[in-house]
Amino acid sequence: MKIRKEFIPYDTGEESFLVPAGGAGFSGLVKGNKTLGAVLDLLKTDTTKEKIIAAMQERFDAPKEIITEDVEKVIRELRKIGAIEE
């Protein structure tokens, strides 16, 4: 899975955004924290949920269960708006 080309990730360093471009089928703006930014960064190339969780464990000092819940929530929400290409 990866981010569809119709969605543009943007990170300010403090906040992360996902901006739909023409043909995205979603009008709005996704705004989140560093967790969202890290997941979006990993979704720039084709990957799996397991690889994202492993990379997040290396990056953040948090229990695997919390990281897994956060990653699953982000992926679920991105799927809901059609931002992920399977």
PDB file of N, CA and C in Angstrom:
ATOM      1  N   MET A   1       0.836  -1.178   0.000  1.00  0.00           N
ATOM      2  CA  MET A   1       0.000   0.000   0.000  1.00  0.00           C
ATOM      3  C   MET A   1       0.879   1.238   0.000  1.00  0.00           C
ATOM      4  N   LYS A   2       0.332   2.314  -0.565  1.00  0.00           N
ATOM      5  CA  LYS A   2       1.035   3.594  -0.562  1.00  0.00           C
ATOM      6  C   LYS A   2       0.035   4.716  -0.778  1.00  0.00           C
ATOM      7  N   ILE A   3       0.488   5.930  -0.562  1.00  0.00           N
ATOM      8  CA  ILE A   3      -0.360   7.106  -0.762  1.00  0.00           C
ATOM      9  C   ILE A   3      -0.622   7.276  -2.258  1.00  0.00           C
ATOM     10  N   ARG A   4      -1.880   7.509  -2.608  1.00  0.00           N
ATOM     11  CA  ARG A   4      -2.212   7.768  -4.005  1.00  0.00           C
ATOM     12  C   ARG A   4      -1.573   9.076  -4.452  1.00  0.00           C
ATOM     13  N   LYS A   5      -1.210   9.128  -5.718  1.00  0.00           N
ATOM     14  CA  LYS A   5      -0.520  10.307  -6.252  1.00  0.00           C
ATOM     15  C   LYS A   5      -1.377  11.566  -6.196  1.00  0.00           C
ATOM     16  N   GLU A   6      -2.690  11.412  -6.023  1.00  0.00           N
ATOM     17  CA  GLU A   6      -3.587  12.569  -5.947  1.00  0.00           C
ATOM     18  C   GLU A   6      -3.562  13.248  -4.580  1.00  0.00           C
ATOM     19  N   PHE A   7      -2.794  12.705  -3.656  1.00  0.00           N
ATOM     20  CA  PHE A   7      -2.674  13.279  -2.311  1.00  0.00           C
ATOM     21  C   PHE A   7      -1.226  13.679  -2.067  1.00  0.00           C
ATOM     22  N   ILE A   8      -1.046  14.877  -1.527  1.00  0.00           N
ATOM     23  CA  ILE A   8       0.295  15.421  -1.311  1.00  0.00           C
ATOM     24  C   ILE A   8       0.555  15.584   0.185  1.00  0.00           C
ATOM     25  N   PRO A   9       1.517  14.809   0.720  1.00  0.00           N
ATOM     26  CA  PRO A   9       1.869  14.979   2.141  1.00  0.00           C
ATOM     27  C   PRO A   9       2.743  16.222   2.319  1.00  0.00           C
ATOM     28  N   TYR A  10       2.534  16.929   3.412  1.00  0.00           N
ATOM     29  CA  TYR A  10       3.316  18.126   3.722  1.00  0.00           C
ATOM     30  C   TYR A  10       3.566  18.153   5.222  1.00  0.00           C
ATOM     31  N   ASP A  11       4.795  18.417   5.603  1.00  0.00           N
ATOM     32  CA  ASP A  11       5.164  18.411   7.017  1.00  0.00           C
ATOM     33  C   ASP A  11       5.869  19.718   7.365  1.00  0.00           C
ATOM     34  N   THR A  12       5.393  20.378   8.420  1.00  0.00           N
ATOM     35  CA  THR A  12       5.998  21.639   8.847  1.00  0.00           C
ATOM     36  C   THR A  12       7.072  21.424   9.906  1.00  0.00           C
ATOM     37  N   GLY A  13       7.184  20.193  10.398  1.00  0.00           N
ATOM     38  CA  GLY A  13       8.091  19.916  11.497  1.00  0.00           C
ATOM     39  C   GLY A  13       7.329  19.783  12.803  1.00  0.00           C
ATOM     40  N   GLU A  14       6.233  20.486  12.921  1.00  0.00           N
ATOM     41  CA  GLU A  14       5.368  20.414  14.101  1.00  0.00           C
ATOM     42  C   GLU A  14       4.036  19.749  13.783  1.00  0.00           C
ATOM     43  N   GLU A  15       3.534  20.008  12.574  1.00  0.00           N
ATOM     44  CA  GLU A  15       2.268  19.436  12.143  1.00  0.00           C
ATOM     45  C   GLU A  15       2.443  18.785  10.780  1.00  0.00           C
ATOM     46  N   SER A  16       1.591  17.802  10.512  1.00  0.00           N
ATOM     47  CA  SER A  16       1.605  17.125   9.226  1.00  0.00           C
ATOM     48  C   SER A  16       0.259  17.298   8.553  1.00  0.00           C
ATOM     49  N   PHE A  17       0.305  17.405   7.238  1.00  0.00           N
ATOM     50  CA  PHE A  17      -0.905  17.609   6.466  1.00  0.00           C
ATOM     51  C   PHE A  17      -0.919  16.660   5.275  1.00  0.00           C
ATOM     52  N   LEU A  18      -2.122  16.318   4.841  1.00  0.00           N
ATOM     53  CA  LEU A  18      -2.303  15.585   3.603  1.00  0.00           C
ATOM     54  C   LEU A  18      -3.299  16.398   2.788  1.00  0.00           C
ATOM     55  N   VAL A  19      -2.842  16.868   1.639  1.00  0.00           N
ATOM     56  CA  VAL A  19      -3.624  17.783   0.816  1.00  0.00           C
ATOM     57  C   VAL A  19      -4.069  17.047  -0.448  1.00  0.00           C
ATOM     58  N   PRO A  20      -5.377  17.036  -0.730  1.00  0.00           N
ATOM     59  CA  PRO A  20      -5.834  16.406  -1.962  1.00  0.00           C
ATOM     60  C   PRO A  20      -5.598  17.313  -3.164  1.00  0.00           C
ATOM     61  N   ALA A  21      -5.193  16.709  -4.257  1.00  0.00           N
ATOM     62  CA  ALA A  21      -5.021  17.453  -5.511  1.00  0.00           C
ATOM     63  C   ALA A  21      -6.186  17.096  -6.426  1.00  0.00           C
ATOM     64  N   GLY A  22      -6.174  17.614  -7.627  1.00  0.00           N
ATOM     65  CA  GLY A  22      -7.256  17.345  -8.571  1.00  0.00           C
ATOM     66  C   GLY A  22      -7.498  15.857  -8.765  1.00  0.00           C
ATOM     67  N   GLY A  23      -8.748  15.476  -8.783  1.00  0.00           N
ATOM     68  CA  GLY A  23      -9.108  14.082  -9.012  1.00  0.00           C
ATOM     69  C   GLY A  23      -8.994  13.188  -7.802  1.00  0.00           C
ATOM     70  N   ALA A  24      -8.755  13.752  -6.636  1.00  0.00           N
ATOM     71  CA  ALA A  24      -8.588  12.946  -5.433  1.00  0.00           C
ATOM     72  C   ALA A  24      -9.906  12.355  -4.948  1.00  0.00           C
ATOM     73  N   GLY A  25     -11.003  13.021  -5.265  1.00  0.00           N
ATOM     74  CA  GLY A  25     -12.292  12.539  -4.799  1.00  0.00           C
ATOM     75  C   GLY A  25     -12.562  12.867  -3.342  1.00  0.00           C
ATOM     76  N   PHE A  26     -11.746  13.705  -2.771  1.00  0.00           N
ATOM     77  CA  PHE A  26     -11.895  14.128  -1.382  1.00  0.00           C
ATOM     78  C   PHE A  26     -11.616  15.609  -1.339  1.00  0.00           C
ATOM     79  N   SER A  27     -12.495  16.360  -0.720  1.00  0.00           N
ATOM     80  CA  SER A  27     -12.236  17.785  -0.575  1.00  0.00           C
ATOM     81  C   SER A  27     -12.136  18.079   0.915  1.00  0.00           C
ATOM     82  N   GLY A  28     -11.005  18.507   1.305  1.00  0.00           N
ATOM     83  CA  GLY A  28     -10.738  18.786   2.706  1.00  0.00           C
ATOM     84  C   GLY A  28      -9.242  18.758   2.934  1.00  0.00           C
ATOM     85  N   LEU A  29      -8.877  18.771   4.166  1.00  0.00           N
ATOM     86  CA  LEU A  29      -7.469  18.774   4.550  1.00  0.00           C
ATOM     87  C   LEU A  29      -7.319  17.847   5.738  1.00  0.00           C
ATOM     88  N   VAL A  30      -6.349  16.954   5.667  1.00  0.00           N
ATOM     89  CA  VAL A  30      -6.062  16.070   6.789  1.00  0.00           C
ATOM     90  C   VAL A  30      -4.911  16.695   7.556  1.00  0.00           C
ATOM     91  N   LYS A  31      -5.122  16.925   8.844  1.00  0.00           N
ATOM     92  CA  LYS A  31      -4.116  17.564   9.687  1.00  0.00           C
ATOM     93  C   LYS A  31      -3.823  16.642  10.863  1.00  0.00           C
ATOM     94  N   GLY A  32      -2.540  16.487  11.180  1.00  0.00           N
ATOM     95  CA  GLY A  32      -2.187  15.603  12.292  1.00  0.00           C
ATOM     96  C   GLY A  32      -0.846  15.943  12.898  1.00  0.00           C
ATOM     97  N   ASN A  33      -0.401  15.058  13.762  1.00  0.00           N
ATOM     98  CA  ASN A  33       0.836  15.256  14.507  1.00  0.00           C
ATOM     99  C   ASN A  33       2.016  14.529  13.844  1.00  0.00           C
ATOM    100  N   LYS A  34       3.084  14.355  14.589  1.00  0.00           N
ATOM    101  CA  LYS A  34       4.287  13.708  14.060  1.00  0.00           C
ATOM    102  C   LYS A  34       4.057  12.244  13.710  1.00  0.00           C
ATOM    103  N   THR A  35       3.121  11.609  14.403  1.00  0.00           N
ATOM    104  CA  THR A  35       2.794  10.219  14.072  1.00  0.00           C
ATOM    105  C   THR A  35       2.229  10.143  12.663  1.00  0.00           C
ATOM    106  N   LEU A  36       1.278  11.013  12.354  1.00  0.00           N
ATOM    107  CA  LEU A  36       0.722  11.049  11.002  1.00  0.00           C
ATOM    108  C   LEU A  36       1.830  11.323   9.995  1.00  0.00           C
ATOM    109  N   GLY A  37       2.680  12.278  10.296  1.00  0.00           N
ATOM    110  CA  GLY A  37       3.774  12.618   9.384  1.00  0.00           C
ATOM    111  C   GLY A  37       4.690  11.444   9.117  1.00  0.00           C
ATOM    112  N   ALA A  38       5.015  10.684  10.155  1.00  0.00           N
ATOM    113  CA  ALA A  38       5.894   9.522   9.993  1.00  0.00           C
ATOM    114  C   ALA A  38       5.225   8.455   9.136  1.00  0.00           C
ATOM    115  N   VAL A  39       3.945   8.210   9.379  1.00  0.00           N
ATOM    116  CA  VAL A  39       3.220   7.212   8.591  1.00  0.00           C
ATOM    117  C   VAL A  39       3.124   7.665   7.132  1.00  0.00           C
ATOM    118  N   LEU A  40       2.799   8.927   6.904  1.00  0.00           N
ATOM    119  CA  LEU A  40       2.715   9.437   5.537  1.00  0.00           C
ATOM    120  C   LEU A  40       4.053   9.322   4.825  1.00  0.00           C
ATOM    121  N   ASP A  41       5.127   9.605   5.529  1.00  0.00           N
ATOM    122  CA  ASP A  41       6.457   9.498   4.943  1.00  0.00           C
ATOM    123  C   ASP A  41       6.740   8.061   4.508  1.00  0.00           C
ATOM    124  N   LEU A  42       6.363   7.109   5.349  1.00  0.00           N
ATOM    125  CA  LEU A  42       6.576   5.702   5.030  1.00  0.00           C
ATOM    126  C   LEU A  42       5.680   5.229   3.895  1.00  0.00           C
ATOM    127  N   LEU A  43       4.529   5.863   3.736  1.00  0.00           N
ATOM    128  CA  LEU A  43       3.598   5.494   2.673  1.00  0.00           C
ATOM    129  C   LEU A  43       3.929   6.133   1.326  1.00  0.00           C
ATOM    130  N   LYS A  44       5.014   6.871   1.245  1.00  0.00           N
ATOM    131  CA  LYS A  44       5.416   7.453  -0.036  1.00  0.00           C
ATOM    132  C   LYS A  44       5.869   6.365  -1.002  1.00  0.00           C
ATOM    133  N   THR A  45       6.333   5.245  -0.452  1.00  0.00           N
ATOM    134  CA  THR A  45       6.699   4.092  -1.263  1.00  0.00           C
ATOM    135  C   THR A  45       5.850   2.909  -0.823  1.00  0.00           C
ATOM    136  N   ASP A  46       5.729   1.937  -1.679  1.00  0.00           N
ATOM    137  CA  ASP A  46       4.905   0.766  -1.385  1.00  0.00           C
ATOM    138  C   ASP A  46       5.435   0.051  -0.140  1.00  0.00           C
ATOM    139  N   THR A  47       4.551  -0.226   0.806  1.00  0.00           N
ATOM    140  CA  THR A  47       4.949  -0.829   2.069  1.00  0.00           C
ATOM    141  C   THR A  47       3.797  -1.636   2.646  1.00  0.00           C
ATOM    142  N   THR A  48       4.008  -2.178   3.827  1.00  0.00           N
ATOM    143  CA  THR A  48       2.963  -2.926   4.524  1.00  0.00           C
ATOM    144  C   THR A  48       2.755  -2.332   5.911  1.00  0.00           C
ATOM    145  N   LYS A  49       1.641  -2.686   6.514  1.00  0.00           N
ATOM    146  CA  LYS A  49       1.359  -2.212   7.871  1.00  0.00           C
ATOM    147  C   LYS A  49       2.453  -2.681   8.828  1.00  0.00           C
ATOM    148  N   GLU A  50       2.907  -3.913   8.664  1.00  0.00           N
ATOM    149  CA  GLU A  50       3.936  -4.466   9.546  1.00  0.00           C
ATOM    150  C   GLU A  50       5.255  -3.692   9.434  1.00  0.00           C
ATOM    151  N   LYS A  51       5.621  -3.312   8.211  1.00  0.00           N
ATOM    152  CA  LYS A  51       6.853  -2.537   8.014  1.00  0.00           C
ATOM    153  C   LYS A  51       6.720  -1.144   8.632  1.00  0.00           C
ATOM    154  N   ILE A  52       5.543  -0.562   8.524  1.00  0.00           N
ATOM    155  CA  ILE A  52       5.314   0.756   9.121  1.00  0.00           C
ATOM    156  C   ILE A  52       5.442   0.667  10.635  1.00  0.00           C
ATOM    157  N   ILE A  53       4.836  -0.341  11.241  1.00  0.00           N
ATOM    158  CA  ILE A  53       4.909  -0.523  12.690  1.00  0.00           C
ATOM    159  C   ILE A  53       6.355  -0.706  13.134  1.00  0.00           C
ATOM    160  N   ALA A  54       7.112  -1.529  12.409  1.00  0.00           N
ATOM    161  CA  ALA A  54       8.516  -1.765  12.758  1.00  0.00           C
ATOM    162  C   ALA A  54       9.331  -0.473  12.677  1.00  0.00           C
ATOM    163  N   ALA A  55       9.105   0.316  11.620  1.00  0.00           N
ATOM    164  CA  ALA A  55       9.828   1.580  11.467  1.00  0.00           C
ATOM    165  C   ALA A  55       9.446   2.568  12.563  1.00  0.00           C
ATOM    166  N   MET A  56       8.178   2.579  12.936  1.00  0.00           N
ATOM    167  CA  MET A  56       7.718   3.476  13.998  1.00  0.00           C
ATOM    168  C   MET A  56       8.314   3.078  15.352  1.00  0.00           C
ATOM    169  N   GLN A  57       8.492   1.786  15.578  1.00  0.00           N
ATOM    170  CA  GLN A  57       9.104   1.321  16.824  1.00  0.00           C
ATOM    171  C   GLN A  57      10.544   1.808  16.934  1.00  0.00           C
ATOM    172  N   GLU A  58      11.240   1.859  15.801  1.00  0.00           N
ATOM    173  CA  GLU A  58      12.613   2.356  15.804  1.00  0.00           C
ATOM    174  C   GLU A  58      12.654   3.856  16.052  1.00  0.00           C
ATOM    175  N   ARG A  59      11.649   4.550  15.583  1.00  0.00           N
ATOM    176  CA  ARG A  59      11.641   6.015  15.655  1.00  0.00           C
ATOM    177  C   ARG A  59      11.107   6.559  16.981  1.00  0.00           C
ATOM    178  N   PHE A  60      10.088   5.909  17.534  1.00  0.00           N
ATOM    179  CA  PHE A  60       9.430   6.407  18.732  1.00  0.00           C
ATOM    180  C   PHE A  60       9.605   5.458  19.910  1.00  0.00           C
ATOM    181  N   ASP A  61       9.731   6.027  21.095  1.00  0.00           N
ATOM    182  CA  ASP A  61       9.868   5.244  22.312  1.00  0.00           C
ATOM    183  C   ASP A  61       8.476   5.055  22.918  1.00  0.00           C
ATOM    184  N   ALA A  62       7.787   4.014  22.427  1.00  0.00           N
ATOM    185  CA  ALA A  62       6.434   3.722  22.899  1.00  0.00           C
ATOM    186  C   ALA A  62       6.214   2.219  22.796  1.00  0.00           C
ATOM    187  N   PRO A  63       5.309   1.692  23.601  1.00  0.00           N
ATOM    188  CA  PRO A  63       5.016   0.258  23.523  1.00  0.00           C
ATOM    189  C   PRO A  63       4.465  -0.132  22.149  1.00  0.00           C
ATOM    190  N   LYS A  64       4.788  -1.338  21.705  1.00  0.00           N
ATOM    191  CA  LYS A  64       4.349  -1.811  20.391  1.00  0.00           C
ATOM    192  C   LYS A  64       2.829  -1.752  20.254  1.00  0.00           C
ATOM    193  N   GLU A  65       2.102  -2.031  21.334  1.00  0.00           N
ATOM    194  CA  GLU A  65       0.645  -2.037  21.272  1.00  0.00           C
ATOM    195  C   GLU A  65       0.108  -0.645  20.932  1.00  0.00           C
ATOM    196  N   ILE A  66       0.702   0.378  21.537  1.00  0.00           N
ATOM    197  CA  ILE A  66       0.270   1.760  21.278  1.00  0.00           C
ATOM    198  C   ILE A  66       0.605   2.147  19.844  1.00  0.00           C
ATOM    199  N   ILE A  67       1.804   1.810  19.400  1.00  0.00           N
ATOM    200  CA  ILE A  67       2.216   2.124  18.029  1.00  0.00           C
ATOM    201  C   ILE A  67       1.297   1.421  17.036  1.00  0.00           C
ATOM    202  N   THR A  68       0.996   0.161  17.294  1.00  0.00           N
ATOM    203  CA  THR A  68       0.118  -0.596  16.403  1.00  0.00           C
ATOM    204  C   THR A  68      -1.261   0.045  16.327  1.00  0.00           C
ATOM    205  N   GLU A  69      -1.821   0.426  17.453  1.00  0.00           N
ATOM    206  CA  GLU A  69      -3.135   1.090  17.474  1.00  0.00           C
ATOM    207  C   GLU A  69      -3.101   2.390  16.679  1.00  0.00           C
ATOM    208  N   ASP A  70      -2.049   3.186  16.888  1.00  0.00           N
ATOM    209  CA  ASP A  70      -1.938   4.469  16.185  1.00  0.00           C
ATOM    210  C   ASP A  70      -1.818   4.272  14.673  1.00  0.00           C
ATOM    211  N   VAL A  71      -0.972   3.336  14.266  1.00  0.00           N
ATOM    212  CA  VAL A  71      -0.778   3.070  12.839  1.00  0.00           C
ATOM    213  C   VAL A  71      -2.065   2.564  12.213  1.00  0.00           C
ATOM    214  N   GLU A  72      -2.742   1.646  12.885  1.00  0.00           N
ATOM    215  CA  GLU A  72      -4.004   1.117  12.363  1.00  0.00           C
ATOM    216  C   GLU A  72      -5.061   2.214  12.230  1.00  0.00           C
ATOM    217  N   LYS A  73      -5.093   3.124  13.179  1.00  0.00           N
ATOM    218  CA  LYS A  73      -6.054   4.231  13.125  1.00  0.00           C
ATOM    219  C   LYS A  73      -5.765   5.139  11.933  1.00  0.00           C
ATOM    220  N   VAL A  74      -4.501   5.487  11.731  1.00  0.00           N
ATOM    221  CA  VAL A  74      -4.124   6.354  10.607  1.00  0.00           C
ATOM    222  C   VAL A  74      -4.485   5.677   9.289  1.00  0.00           C
ATOM    223  N   ILE A  75      -4.121   4.405   9.142  1.00  0.00           N
ATOM    224  CA  ILE A  75      -4.401   3.683   7.899  1.00  0.00           C
ATOM    225  C   ILE A  75      -5.907   3.592   7.658  1.00  0.00           C
ATOM    226  N   ARG A  76      -6.665   3.312   8.699  1.00  0.00           N
ATOM    227  CA  ARG A  76      -8.125   3.219   8.579  1.00  0.00           C
ATOM    228  C   ARG A  76      -8.714   4.541   8.085  1.00  0.00           C
ATOM    229  N   GLU A  77      -8.256   5.652   8.662  1.00  0.00           N
ATOM    230  CA  GLU A  77      -8.769   6.964   8.266  1.00  0.00           C
ATOM    231  C   GLU A  77      -8.345   7.330   6.842  1.00  0.00           C
ATOM    232  N   LEU A  78      -7.121   6.990   6.470  1.00  0.00           N
ATOM    233  CA  LEU A  78      -6.653   7.281   5.113  1.00  0.00           C
ATOM    234  C   LEU A  78      -7.425   6.455   4.089  1.00  0.00           C
ATOM    235  N   ARG A  79      -7.722   5.209   4.434  1.00  0.00           N
ATOM    236  CA  ARG A  79      -8.540   4.374   3.541  1.00  0.00           C
ATOM    237  C   ARG A  79      -9.939   4.968   3.394  1.00  0.00           C
ATOM    238  N   LYS A  80     -10.480   5.475   4.481  1.00  0.00           N
ATOM    239  CA  LYS A  80     -11.835   6.026   4.481  1.00  0.00           C
ATOM    240  C   LYS A  80     -11.975   7.172   3.475  1.00  0.00           C
ATOM    241  N   ILE A  81     -10.918   7.977   3.327  1.00  0.00           N
ATOM    242  CA  ILE A  81     -10.984   9.103   2.377  1.00  0.00           C
ATOM    243  C   ILE A  81     -10.417   8.743   1.002  1.00  0.00           C
ATOM    244  N   GLY A  82      -9.999   7.496   0.841  1.00  0.00           N
ATOM    245  CA  GLY A  82      -9.502   7.057  -0.460  1.00  0.00           C
ATOM    246  C   GLY A  82      -8.090   7.499  -0.773  1.00  0.00           C
ATOM    247  N   ALA A  83      -7.286   7.718   0.276  1.00  0.00           N
ATOM    248  CA  ALA A  83      -5.920   8.220   0.067  1.00  0.00           C
ATOM    249  C   ALA A  83      -4.883   7.111  -0.114  1.00  0.00           C
ATOM    250  N   ILE A  84      -5.289   5.864   0.128  1.00  0.00           N
ATOM    251  CA  ILE A  84      -4.321   4.761   0.027  1.00  0.00           C
ATOM    252  C   ILE A  84      -4.599   3.917  -1.203  1.00  0.00           C
ATOM    253  N   GLU A  85      -3.532   3.622  -1.896  1.00  0.00           N
ATOM    254  CA  GLU A  85      -3.560   2.720  -3.053  1.00  0.00           C
ATOM    255  C   GLU A  85      -3.097   1.360  -2.535  1.00  0.00           C
ATOM    256  N   GLU A  86      -3.919   0.351  -2.705  1.00  0.00           N
ATOM    257  CA  GLU A  86      -3.575  -0.991  -2.179  1.00  0.00           C
ATOM    258  C   GLU A  86      -2.686  -1.749  -3.132  1.00  0.00           C
TER     259      GLU A  86
END
